[in-house]
Amino acid sequence: MAFEMNSNRRTRSGFVITVIACMLLHLMLAPQFSVMGGRFNFMLVLTAVCAISGDSRSMVYVGFFSGLFYDLTTASPIGLMPLLLALTGYTIALMSRGLASDLGMQTIRVVILAVFAVNIICSVALFFMGVESNLLTAVGVHGLASGVLDVLACVPLLLMGGSGNSGSGFSSRGRGRAHGGLSYGGSRYKVLR
């Protein structure tokens, strides 16, 4: 019981540190760095990485408030990014239920797919809202460049969160795997012992 409380406390403090680091990077680095019109979206990175080992209901809130923070600190229309990140957090959490929370090919595929999907959808939506003037430039240049930057920003967080050690991820889900790939302590799956 004491080990589980220490593990939960370590997990929460790791999550809080990750959130603060992403917020600071979003405020300090993202406005200063642009490649072919693409910019970092550290709030998307935070949502995608945390959703790999998070609960789908809580990831809706994490995604919404991350997107709201993004919209309030950039010149984008308010409401688009909270909607996209809430849906992304929920979807990734549902898709990653059967995945191990360590850095594997399935985890990387889910994160890359989500990051590029959000960037492409956001680019198309900004075109239809009149913020972007050319659809091909919005999607083909700005969307893809932002997607590449966001995937690169996901790598260090995935490496830190996916070390495989007990209590070193972003959720309180148990890491010990039993027969058949199901987790015993702290999992959302019930297993007969």
N, C-alpha and C. Protein backbone atom coordinates (compact mmCIF):
# COMPACT_ATOMS: atom_id res chain seq x y z
N MET A 1 0.82 -1.19 0.00
CA MET A 1 0.00 0.00 0.00
C MET A 1 0.86 1.25 0.00
N ALA A 2 1.93 1.25 0.81
CA ALA A 2 2.82 2.42 0.85
C ALA A 2 3.55 2.59 -0.47
N PHE A 3 3.92 1.47 -1.10
CA PHE A 3 4.60 1.55 -2.39
C PHE A 3 3.66 2.14 -3.44
N GLU A 4 2.38 1.74 -3.38
CA GLU A 4 1.41 2.25 -4.35
C GLU A 4 1.16 3.74 -4.16
N MET A 5 1.12 4.21 -2.90
CA MET A 5 0.94 5.64 -2.65
C MET A 5 2.14 6.44 -3.12
N ASN A 6 3.36 5.93 -2.89
CA ASN A 6 4.56 6.61 -3.38
C ASN A 6 4.60 6.62 -4.90
N SER A 7 4.18 5.52 -5.51
CA SER A 7 4.15 5.45 -6.97
C SER A 7 3.16 6.45 -7.55
N ASN A 8 1.96 6.55 -6.93
CA ASN A 8 0.96 7.52 -7.40
C ASN A 8 1.45 8.95 -7.21
N ARG A 9 2.12 9.22 -6.11
CA ARG A 9 2.64 10.57 -5.85
C ARG A 9 3.72 10.92 -6.88
N ARG A 10 4.60 9.96 -7.18
CA ARG A 10 5.64 10.17 -8.19
C ARG A 10 5.03 10.39 -9.57
N THR A 11 3.99 9.64 -9.87
CA THR A 11 3.33 9.77 -11.16
C THR A 11 2.66 11.13 -11.29
N ARG A 12 1.98 11.56 -10.24
CA ARG A 12 1.33 12.88 -10.28
C ARG A 12 2.34 14.00 -10.41
N SER A 13 3.43 13.91 -9.65
CA SER A 13 4.44 14.97 -9.75
C SER A 13 5.10 14.97 -11.13
N GLY A 14 5.31 13.79 -11.72
CA GLY A 14 5.84 13.72 -13.07
C GLY A 14 4.90 14.33 -14.09
N PHE A 15 3.59 14.10 -13.90
CA PHE A 15 2.60 14.68 -14.80
C PHE A 15 2.58 16.20 -14.67
N VAL A 16 2.62 16.70 -13.45
CA VAL A 16 2.60 18.15 -13.23
C VAL A 16 3.85 18.80 -13.82
N ILE A 17 5.00 18.18 -13.65
CA ILE A 17 6.24 18.71 -14.22
C ILE A 17 6.16 18.72 -15.74
N THR A 18 5.60 17.68 -16.33
CA THR A 18 5.45 17.62 -17.79
C THR A 18 4.51 18.71 -18.29
N VAL A 19 3.41 18.93 -17.59
CA VAL A 19 2.46 19.97 -17.99
C VAL A 19 3.12 21.34 -17.92
N ILE A 20 3.82 21.63 -16.83
CA ILE A 20 4.48 22.93 -16.68
C ILE A 20 5.56 23.11 -17.74
N ALA A 21 6.33 22.06 -18.00
CA ALA A 21 7.39 22.16 -19.02
C ALA A 21 6.79 22.43 -20.40
N CYS A 22 5.70 21.74 -20.74
CA CYS A 22 5.06 21.97 -22.05
C CYS A 22 4.47 23.37 -22.15
N MET A 23 3.90 23.86 -21.06
CA MET A 23 3.35 25.22 -21.08
C MET A 23 4.46 26.26 -21.27
N LEU A 24 5.57 26.07 -20.57
CA LEU A 24 6.68 27.01 -20.71
C LEU A 24 7.31 26.94 -22.10
N LEU A 25 7.47 25.73 -22.62
CA LEU A 25 8.00 25.59 -23.98
C LEU A 25 7.06 26.22 -25.01
N HIS A 26 5.76 26.06 -24.78
CA HIS A 26 4.78 26.65 -25.69
C HIS A 26 4.85 28.18 -25.68
N LEU A 27 5.06 28.73 -24.51
CA LEU A 27 5.12 30.19 -24.40
C LEU A 27 6.45 30.77 -24.87
N MET A 28 7.55 30.04 -24.63
CA MET A 28 8.87 30.61 -24.92
C MET A 28 9.45 30.16 -26.26
N LEU A 29 9.28 28.91 -26.64
CA LEU A 29 9.95 28.40 -27.84
C LEU A 29 9.05 28.44 -29.08
N ALA A 30 7.79 28.07 -28.94
CA ALA A 30 6.91 27.97 -30.10
C ALA A 30 6.77 29.25 -30.91
N PRO A 31 6.62 30.43 -30.28
CA PRO A 31 6.50 31.64 -31.10
C PRO A 31 7.80 32.04 -31.79
N GLN A 32 8.93 31.59 -31.29
CA GLN A 32 10.23 32.00 -31.82
C GLN A 32 10.75 31.10 -32.94
N PHE A 33 10.18 29.93 -33.11
CA PHE A 33 10.73 28.93 -34.00
C PHE A 33 9.70 28.56 -35.06
N SER A 34 10.06 28.74 -36.35
CA SER A 34 9.17 28.41 -37.44
C SER A 34 9.96 27.77 -38.57
N VAL A 35 9.45 26.68 -39.11
CA VAL A 35 10.05 26.02 -40.26
C VAL A 35 8.99 25.91 -41.34
N MET A 36 9.19 26.61 -42.46
CA MET A 36 8.25 26.61 -43.59
C MET A 36 6.83 26.95 -43.15
N GLY A 37 6.69 27.84 -42.21
CA GLY A 37 5.37 28.24 -41.72
C GLY A 37 4.79 27.34 -40.66
N GLY A 38 5.46 26.24 -40.37
CA GLY A 38 4.99 25.33 -39.33
C GLY A 38 5.58 25.69 -37.97
N ARG A 39 4.78 25.54 -36.95
CA ARG A 39 5.22 25.86 -35.59
C ARG A 39 4.93 24.70 -34.65
N PHE A 40 5.68 24.67 -33.56
CA PHE A 40 5.44 23.67 -32.52
C PHE A 40 4.07 23.91 -31.88
N ASN A 41 3.41 22.84 -31.53
CA ASN A 41 2.20 22.90 -30.72
C ASN A 41 2.43 21.96 -29.54
N PHE A 42 3.01 22.50 -28.48
CA PHE A 42 3.36 21.68 -27.33
C PHE A 42 2.13 21.21 -26.56
N MET A 43 1.00 21.86 -26.76
CA MET A 43 -0.24 21.39 -26.12
C MET A 43 -0.75 20.12 -26.81
N LEU A 44 -0.58 20.03 -28.11
CA LEU A 44 -0.90 18.80 -28.84
C LEU A 44 0.05 17.69 -28.42
N VAL A 45 1.32 18.02 -28.27
CA VAL A 45 2.32 17.04 -27.83
C VAL A 45 1.96 16.51 -26.45
N LEU A 46 1.61 17.40 -25.54
CA LEU A 46 1.23 17.00 -24.18
C LEU A 46 0.02 16.08 -24.20
N THR A 47 -0.99 16.43 -24.96
CA THR A 47 -2.21 15.61 -25.02
C THR A 47 -1.93 14.24 -25.62
N ALA A 48 -1.18 14.19 -26.71
CA ALA A 48 -0.91 12.91 -27.38
C ALA A 48 -0.08 11.99 -26.51
N VAL A 49 0.93 12.52 -25.85
CA VAL A 49 1.81 11.68 -25.04
C VAL A 49 1.11 11.21 -23.76
N CYS A 50 0.37 12.09 -23.12
CA CYS A 50 -0.33 11.70 -21.89
C CYS A 50 -1.47 10.72 -22.17
N ALA A 51 -2.08 10.81 -23.33
CA ALA A 51 -3.21 9.94 -23.64
C ALA A 51 -2.79 8.49 -23.87
N ILE A 52 -1.52 8.25 -24.15
CA ILE A 52 -1.06 6.88 -24.37
C ILE A 52 -1.30 6.02 -23.14
N SER A 53 -1.10 6.57 -21.96
CA SER A 53 -1.31 5.78 -20.75
C SER A 53 -2.39 6.38 -19.86
N GLY A 54 -3.25 7.23 -20.42
CA GLY A 54 -4.26 7.90 -19.62
C GLY A 54 -5.64 7.29 -19.79
N ASP A 55 -6.53 7.73 -18.93
CA ASP A 55 -7.93 7.32 -18.97
C ASP A 55 -8.67 8.20 -19.97
N SER A 56 -9.57 7.63 -20.74
CA SER A 56 -10.23 8.38 -21.80
C SER A 56 -11.06 9.56 -21.27
N ARG A 57 -11.71 9.39 -20.13
CA ARG A 57 -12.52 10.49 -19.58
C ARG A 57 -11.64 11.65 -19.11
N SER A 58 -10.57 11.35 -18.43
CA SER A 58 -9.71 12.44 -17.95
C SER A 58 -8.95 13.10 -19.10
N MET A 59 -8.69 12.36 -20.17
CA MET A 59 -7.96 12.94 -21.31
C MET A 59 -8.82 13.93 -22.09
N VAL A 60 -10.14 13.84 -21.97
CA VAL A 60 -11.00 14.86 -22.57
C VAL A 60 -10.73 16.20 -21.91
N TYR A 61 -10.61 16.20 -20.59
CA TYR A 61 -10.34 17.44 -19.86
C TYR A 61 -8.93 17.96 -20.12
N VAL A 62 -7.96 17.06 -20.13
CA VAL A 62 -6.58 17.47 -20.41
C VAL A 62 -6.50 18.07 -21.81
N GLY A 63 -7.12 17.42 -22.79
CA GLY A 63 -7.11 17.93 -24.16
C GLY A 63 -7.83 19.25 -24.29
N PHE A 64 -8.99 19.38 -23.63
CA PHE A 64 -9.75 20.62 -23.74
C PHE A 64 -8.97 21.80 -23.16
N PHE A 65 -8.45 21.63 -21.95
CA PHE A 65 -7.75 22.75 -21.31
C PHE A 65 -6.40 23.03 -21.98
N SER A 66 -5.77 22.00 -22.54
CA SER A 66 -4.55 22.24 -23.32
C SER A 66 -4.87 23.05 -24.57
N GLY A 67 -5.95 22.69 -25.24
CA GLY A 67 -6.36 23.42 -26.43
C GLY A 67 -6.79 24.84 -26.13
N LEU A 68 -7.45 25.03 -24.98
CA LEU A 68 -7.85 26.37 -24.58
C LEU A 68 -6.63 27.24 -24.28
N PHE A 69 -5.64 26.64 -23.61
CA PHE A 69 -4.39 27.36 -23.35
C PHE A 69 -3.72 27.74 -24.67
N TYR A 70 -3.72 26.82 -25.64
CA TYR A 70 -3.14 27.10 -26.96
C TYR A 70 -3.86 28.27 -27.63
N ASP A 71 -5.20 28.22 -27.64
CA ASP A 71 -5.98 29.27 -28.31
C ASP A 71 -5.81 30.63 -27.64
N LEU A 72 -5.69 30.64 -26.32
CA LEU A 72 -5.56 31.91 -25.61
C LEU A 72 -4.17 32.53 -25.74
N THR A 73 -3.19 31.73 -26.12
CA THR A 73 -1.81 32.23 -26.24
C THR A 73 -1.34 32.38 -27.68
N THR A 74 -2.20 32.11 -28.65
CA THR A 74 -1.85 32.28 -30.05
C THR A 74 -2.93 33.14 -30.73
N ALA A 75 -2.71 33.42 -31.98
CA ALA A 75 -3.65 34.25 -32.74
C ALA A 75 -4.66 33.41 -33.51
N SER A 76 -4.93 32.22 -33.05
CA SER A 76 -5.89 31.35 -33.73
C SER A 76 -7.29 31.57 -33.17
N PRO A 77 -8.32 31.19 -33.93
CA PRO A 77 -9.69 31.33 -33.43
C PRO A 77 -9.91 30.47 -32.18
N ILE A 78 -10.60 31.01 -31.22
CA ILE A 78 -10.82 30.30 -29.96
C ILE A 78 -11.91 29.25 -30.15
N GLY A 79 -11.61 28.04 -29.75
CA GLY A 79 -12.57 26.95 -29.79
C GLY A 79 -12.17 25.80 -30.68
N LEU A 80 -11.39 26.06 -31.71
CA LEU A 80 -11.00 24.99 -32.63
C LEU A 80 -10.05 23.99 -31.96
N MET A 81 -8.98 24.49 -31.36
CA MET A 81 -8.00 23.59 -30.76
C MET A 81 -8.53 22.86 -29.53
N PRO A 82 -9.35 23.49 -28.65
CA PRO A 82 -9.92 22.69 -27.56
C PRO A 82 -10.76 21.52 -28.04
N LEU A 83 -11.54 21.76 -29.10
CA LEU A 83 -12.35 20.67 -29.66
C LEU A 83 -11.46 19.56 -30.21
N LEU A 84 -10.47 19.94 -31.02
CA LEU A 84 -9.59 18.94 -31.63
C LEU A 84 -8.80 18.16 -30.58
N LEU A 85 -8.26 18.85 -29.57
CA LEU A 85 -7.44 18.16 -28.58
C LEU A 85 -8.28 17.32 -27.62
N ALA A 86 -9.50 17.74 -27.32
CA ALA A 86 -10.38 16.90 -26.49
C ALA A 86 -10.71 15.60 -27.22
N LEU A 87 -11.04 15.71 -28.51
CA LEU A 87 -11.32 14.51 -29.30
C LEU A 87 -10.07 13.65 -29.46
N THR A 88 -8.92 14.30 -29.65
CA THR A 88 -7.67 13.56 -29.81
C THR A 88 -7.30 12.81 -28.54
N GLY A 89 -7.38 13.48 -27.39
CA GLY A 89 -7.07 12.82 -26.13
C GLY A 89 -7.96 11.62 -25.87
N TYR A 90 -9.26 11.79 -26.13
CA TYR A 90 -10.21 10.70 -25.93
C TYR A 90 -9.92 9.54 -26.88
N THR A 91 -9.69 9.86 -28.14
CA THR A 91 -9.46 8.82 -29.15
C THR A 91 -8.16 8.06 -28.90
N ILE A 92 -7.09 8.78 -28.60
CA ILE A 92 -5.81 8.10 -28.34
C ILE A 92 -5.91 7.22 -27.11
N ALA A 93 -6.58 7.71 -26.07
CA ALA A 93 -6.73 6.90 -24.85
C ALA A 93 -7.52 5.63 -25.13
N LEU A 94 -8.56 5.73 -25.96
CA LEU A 94 -9.32 4.53 -26.33
C LEU A 94 -8.49 3.59 -27.19
N MET A 95 -7.75 4.14 -28.15
CA MET A 95 -6.94 3.31 -29.04
C MET A 95 -5.79 2.63 -28.31
N SER A 96 -5.28 3.27 -27.27
CA SER A 96 -4.09 2.74 -26.60
C SER A 96 -4.41 1.85 -25.41
N ARG A 97 -5.67 1.49 -25.22
CA ARG A 97 -6.01 0.62 -24.08
C ARG A 97 -5.28 -0.70 -24.12
N GLY A 98 -5.14 -1.27 -25.27
CA GLY A 98 -4.48 -2.56 -25.38
C GLY A 98 -2.98 -2.46 -25.57
N LEU A 99 -2.46 -1.25 -25.72
CA LEU A 99 -1.04 -1.07 -25.96
C LEU A 99 -0.29 -0.99 -24.65
N ALA A 100 0.94 -1.44 -24.66
CA ALA A 100 1.81 -1.22 -23.51
C ALA A 100 2.19 0.25 -23.50
N SER A 101 2.46 0.79 -22.32
CA SER A 101 2.74 2.23 -22.23
C SER A 101 4.21 2.54 -22.46
N ASP A 102 4.98 1.56 -22.89
CA ASP A 102 6.38 1.84 -23.19
C ASP A 102 6.51 2.27 -24.64
N LEU A 103 7.70 2.65 -25.03
CA LEU A 103 7.95 3.17 -26.36
C LEU A 103 8.11 2.01 -27.34
N GLY A 104 7.02 1.64 -27.98
CA GLY A 104 7.03 0.59 -28.98
C GLY A 104 6.53 1.13 -30.31
N MET A 105 6.55 0.30 -31.33
CA MET A 105 6.13 0.75 -32.65
C MET A 105 4.64 1.10 -32.68
N GLN A 106 3.81 0.37 -31.94
CA GLN A 106 2.39 0.69 -31.93
C GLN A 106 2.15 2.05 -31.29
N THR A 107 2.85 2.35 -30.22
CA THR A 107 2.72 3.64 -29.56
C THR A 107 3.16 4.76 -30.48
N ILE A 108 4.27 4.58 -31.17
CA ILE A 108 4.78 5.60 -32.08
C ILE A 108 3.80 5.83 -33.22
N ARG A 109 3.23 4.77 -33.76
CA ARG A 109 2.25 4.91 -34.85
C ARG A 109 1.03 5.69 -34.42
N VAL A 110 0.51 5.40 -33.24
CA VAL A 110 -0.68 6.09 -32.74
C VAL A 110 -0.39 7.57 -32.57
N VAL A 111 0.76 7.90 -31.98
CA VAL A 111 1.11 9.30 -31.74
C VAL A 111 1.31 10.03 -33.06
N ILE A 112 2.04 9.44 -34.00
CA ILE A 112 2.29 10.09 -35.29
C ILE A 112 0.98 10.30 -36.05
N LEU A 113 0.13 9.30 -36.06
CA LEU A 113 -1.16 9.42 -36.75
C LEU A 113 -1.99 10.55 -36.13
N ALA A 114 -2.05 10.61 -34.82
CA ALA A 114 -2.85 11.64 -34.15
C ALA A 114 -2.29 13.04 -34.40
N VAL A 115 -0.98 13.18 -34.31
CA VAL A 115 -0.36 14.50 -34.50
C VAL A 115 -0.59 15.01 -35.91
N PHE A 116 -0.37 14.18 -36.90
CA PHE A 116 -0.59 14.63 -38.27
C PHE A 116 -2.07 14.87 -38.56
N ALA A 117 -2.96 14.04 -38.01
CA ALA A 117 -4.39 14.24 -38.23
C ALA A 117 -4.85 15.59 -37.67
N VAL A 118 -4.41 15.92 -36.46
CA VAL A 118 -4.82 17.20 -35.86
C VAL A 118 -4.27 18.36 -36.67
N ASN A 119 -3.02 18.29 -37.09
CA ASN A 119 -2.44 19.39 -37.87
C ASN A 119 -3.12 19.56 -39.22
N ILE A 120 -3.46 18.48 -39.89
CA ILE A 120 -4.14 18.56 -41.19
C ILE A 120 -5.56 19.09 -41.02
N ILE A 121 -6.29 18.56 -40.03
CA ILE A 121 -7.66 19.03 -39.80
C ILE A 121 -7.68 20.50 -39.42
N CYS A 122 -6.72 20.91 -38.58
CA CYS A 122 -6.64 22.31 -38.17
C CYS A 122 -6.33 23.20 -39.38
N SER A 123 -5.45 22.76 -40.25
CA SER A 123 -5.12 23.54 -41.44
C SER A 123 -6.32 23.71 -42.37
N VAL A 124 -7.07 22.63 -42.58
CA VAL A 124 -8.26 22.69 -43.42
C VAL A 124 -9.31 23.61 -42.78
N ALA A 125 -9.50 23.49 -41.47
CA ALA A 125 -10.48 24.33 -40.78
C ALA A 125 -10.08 25.80 -40.84
N LEU A 126 -8.80 26.09 -40.69
CA LEU A 126 -8.35 27.48 -40.78
C LEU A 126 -8.54 28.04 -42.19
N PHE A 127 -8.41 27.20 -43.21
CA PHE A 127 -8.68 27.65 -44.58
C PHE A 127 -10.16 28.01 -44.74
N PHE A 128 -11.05 27.15 -44.26
CA PHE A 128 -12.48 27.42 -44.40
C PHE A 128 -12.95 28.58 -43.53
N MET A 129 -12.22 28.89 -42.48
CA MET A 129 -12.55 30.06 -41.65
C MET A 129 -11.99 31.35 -42.23
N GLY A 130 -11.15 31.23 -43.25
CA GLY A 130 -10.60 32.41 -43.89
C GLY A 130 -9.28 32.88 -43.30
N VAL A 131 -8.72 32.15 -42.36
CA VAL A 131 -7.44 32.52 -41.77
C VAL A 131 -6.31 32.21 -42.75
N GLU A 132 -6.38 31.07 -43.41
CA GLU A 132 -5.42 30.67 -44.43
C GLU A 132 -6.03 30.98 -45.80
N SER A 133 -5.20 31.46 -46.73
CA SER A 133 -5.74 31.86 -48.03
C SER A 133 -5.64 30.78 -49.10
N ASN A 134 -4.73 29.82 -48.95
CA ASN A 134 -4.53 28.79 -49.96
C ASN A 134 -4.58 27.43 -49.27
N LEU A 135 -5.46 26.56 -49.76
CA LEU A 135 -5.63 25.25 -49.14
C LEU A 135 -4.38 24.38 -49.28
N LEU A 136 -3.76 24.39 -50.44
CA LEU A 136 -2.56 23.56 -50.64
C LEU A 136 -1.41 24.02 -49.76
N THR A 137 -1.24 25.31 -49.61
CA THR A 137 -0.19 25.82 -48.73
C THR A 137 -0.52 25.52 -47.27
N ALA A 138 -1.77 25.68 -46.91
CA ALA A 138 -2.18 25.42 -45.53
C ALA A 138 -1.94 23.97 -45.13
N VAL A 139 -2.37 23.05 -45.98
CA VAL A 139 -2.24 21.63 -45.65
C VAL A 139 -0.85 21.10 -45.99
N GLY A 140 -0.41 21.34 -47.21
CA GLY A 140 0.83 20.74 -47.69
C GLY A 140 2.09 21.31 -47.10
N VAL A 141 2.06 22.57 -46.69
CA VAL A 141 3.27 23.18 -46.14
C VAL A 141 3.13 23.40 -44.64
N HIS A 142 2.17 24.22 -44.24
CA HIS A 142 2.05 24.56 -42.82
C HIS A 142 1.64 23.36 -41.98
N GLY A 143 0.65 22.60 -42.44
CA GLY A 143 0.17 21.44 -41.68
C GLY A 143 1.21 20.35 -41.54
N LEU A 144 1.85 20.01 -42.66
CA LEU A 144 2.85 18.95 -42.60
C LEU A 144 4.11 19.38 -41.84
N ALA A 145 4.53 20.63 -42.00
CA ALA A 145 5.71 21.11 -41.26
C ALA A 145 5.43 21.14 -39.77
N SER A 146 4.23 21.57 -39.39
CA SER A 146 3.87 21.56 -37.97
C SER A 146 3.80 20.14 -37.45
N GLY A 147 3.29 19.22 -38.25
CA GLY A 147 3.22 17.82 -37.85
C GLY A 147 4.60 17.22 -37.59
N VAL A 148 5.55 17.52 -38.47
CA VAL A 148 6.92 17.01 -38.28
C VAL A 148 7.53 17.59 -37.01
N LEU A 149 7.35 18.89 -36.78
CA LEU A 149 7.89 19.51 -35.57
C LEU A 149 7.25 18.91 -34.31
N ASP A 150 5.95 18.67 -34.35
CA ASP A 150 5.28 18.10 -33.18
C ASP A 150 5.70 16.66 -32.91
N VAL A 151 5.90 15.88 -33.96
CA VAL A 151 6.38 14.51 -33.78
C VAL A 151 7.78 14.52 -33.16
N LEU A 152 8.63 15.42 -33.63
CA LEU A 152 9.97 15.54 -33.03
C LEU A 152 9.90 15.95 -31.57
N ALA A 153 8.93 16.79 -31.22
CA ALA A 153 8.78 17.21 -29.83
C ALA A 153 8.21 16.08 -28.96
N CYS A 154 7.49 15.14 -29.55
CA CYS A 154 6.94 14.01 -28.80
C CYS A 154 8.00 13.01 -28.36
N VAL A 155 9.07 12.90 -29.12
CA VAL A 155 10.07 11.86 -28.87
C VAL A 155 10.65 11.93 -27.45
N PRO A 156 11.14 13.11 -26.98
CA PRO A 156 11.69 13.11 -25.61
C PRO A 156 10.66 12.76 -24.54
N LEU A 157 9.42 13.21 -24.71
CA LEU A 157 8.40 12.88 -23.71
C LEU A 157 8.04 11.41 -23.73
N LEU A 158 7.99 10.81 -24.91
CA LEU A 158 7.74 9.37 -24.99
C LEU A 158 8.88 8.58 -24.36
N LEU A 159 10.11 9.03 -24.58
CA LEU A 159 11.25 8.35 -23.98
C LEU A 159 11.24 8.45 -22.46
N MET A 160 10.87 9.61 -21.93
CA MET A 160 10.81 9.78 -20.48
C MET A 160 9.65 9.00 -19.88
N GLY A 161 8.50 9.01 -20.52
CA GLY A 161 7.33 8.35 -19.98
C GLY A 161 7.29 6.87 -20.24
N GLY A 162 8.00 6.40 -21.21
CA GLY A 162 7.92 4.99 -21.60
C GLY A 162 9.12 4.18 -21.22
N SER A 163 9.73 4.47 -20.09
CA SER A 163 10.93 3.73 -19.71
C SER A 163 10.63 2.33 -19.22
N GLY A 164 9.35 2.06 -18.87
CA GLY A 164 8.97 0.72 -18.46
C GLY A 164 9.15 0.47 -16.98
N ASN A 165 9.71 1.39 -16.22
CA ASN A 165 9.86 1.21 -14.79
C ASN A 165 8.54 1.45 -14.11
N SER A 166 8.33 0.82 -12.99
CA SER A 166 7.08 0.99 -12.26
C SER A 166 6.93 2.41 -11.77
N GLY A 167 5.79 3.01 -12.08
CA GLY A 167 5.50 4.35 -11.62
C GLY A 167 6.19 5.45 -12.38
N SER A 168 6.78 5.17 -13.53
CA SER A 168 7.50 6.22 -14.23
C SER A 168 6.74 6.79 -15.41
N GLY A 169 5.49 6.39 -15.59
CA GLY A 169 4.72 6.89 -16.72
C GLY A 169 3.86 8.07 -16.34
N PHE A 170 2.80 8.30 -17.10
CA PHE A 170 1.94 9.44 -16.88
C PHE A 170 0.63 9.05 -16.21
N SER A 171 0.42 7.78 -15.89
CA SER A 171 -0.81 7.40 -15.22
C SER A 171 -0.48 6.49 -14.05
N SER A 172 -1.51 6.20 -13.28
CA SER A 172 -1.29 5.33 -12.13
C SER A 172 -1.58 3.88 -12.47
N ARG A 173 -1.69 3.57 -13.74
CA ARG A 173 -1.93 2.21 -14.16
C ARG A 173 -0.71 1.36 -13.84
N GLY A 174 -0.94 0.14 -13.35
CA GLY A 174 0.16 -0.75 -13.02
C GLY A 174 0.95 -1.15 -14.25
N ARG A 175 2.24 -1.37 -14.08
CA ARG A 175 3.09 -1.71 -15.22
C ARG A 175 3.37 -3.21 -15.30
N GLY A 176 3.17 -3.94 -14.22
CA GLY A 176 3.49 -5.36 -14.24
C GLY A 176 2.52 -6.12 -15.10
N ARG A 177 2.98 -6.84 -16.09
CA ARG A 177 2.11 -7.57 -17.01
C ARG A 177 2.00 -9.02 -16.56
N ALA A 178 0.79 -9.52 -16.66
CA ALA A 178 0.53 -10.90 -16.29
C ALA A 178 0.37 -11.73 -17.56
N HIS A 179 -0.15 -12.90 -17.42
CA HIS A 179 -0.37 -13.76 -18.58
C HIS A 179 -1.38 -13.13 -19.51
N GLY A 180 -1.12 -13.18 -20.79
CA GLY A 180 -2.04 -12.65 -21.77
C GLY A 180 -1.94 -11.15 -21.95
N GLY A 181 -0.96 -10.49 -21.36
CA GLY A 181 -0.75 -9.08 -21.58
C GLY A 181 -1.62 -8.17 -20.73
N LEU A 182 -2.40 -8.71 -19.80
CA LEU A 182 -3.23 -7.86 -18.96
C LEU A 182 -2.46 -7.48 -17.71
N SER A 183 -2.80 -6.36 -17.17
CA SER A 183 -2.10 -5.84 -16.00
C SER A 183 -2.86 -6.19 -14.74
N TYR A 184 -2.14 -6.54 -13.68
CA TYR A 184 -2.79 -6.80 -12.40
C TYR A 184 -2.98 -5.49 -11.66
N GLY A 185 -2.26 -4.95 -10.87
CA GLY A 185 -2.58 -3.83 -10.01
C GLY A 185 -2.89 -2.53 -10.73
N GLY A 186 -4.03 -1.92 -10.41
CA GLY A 186 -4.34 -0.58 -10.87
C GLY A 186 -4.83 -0.47 -12.30
N SER A 187 -5.16 -1.54 -12.94
CA SER A 187 -5.59 -1.47 -14.32
C SER A 187 -7.09 -1.27 -14.41
N ARG A 188 -7.54 -0.80 -15.55
CA ARG A 188 -8.97 -0.66 -15.74
C ARG A 188 -9.60 -1.98 -16.20
N TYR A 189 -8.79 -3.02 -16.44
CA TYR A 189 -9.29 -4.32 -16.84
C TYR A 189 -9.35 -5.22 -15.62
N LYS A 190 -10.43 -5.99 -15.52
CA LYS A 190 -10.54 -6.92 -14.41
C LYS A 190 -10.01 -8.26 -14.90
N VAL A 191 -9.21 -8.89 -14.06
CA VAL A 191 -8.57 -10.14 -14.42
C VAL A 191 -8.86 -11.15 -13.31
N LEU A 192 -9.20 -12.37 -13.70
CA LEU A 192 -9.36 -13.42 -12.72
C LEU A 192 -8.00 -13.92 -12.31
N ARG A 193 -7.79 -14.08 -11.03
CA ARG A 193 -6.48 -14.52 -10.55
C ARG A 193 -6.46 -16.00 -10.32
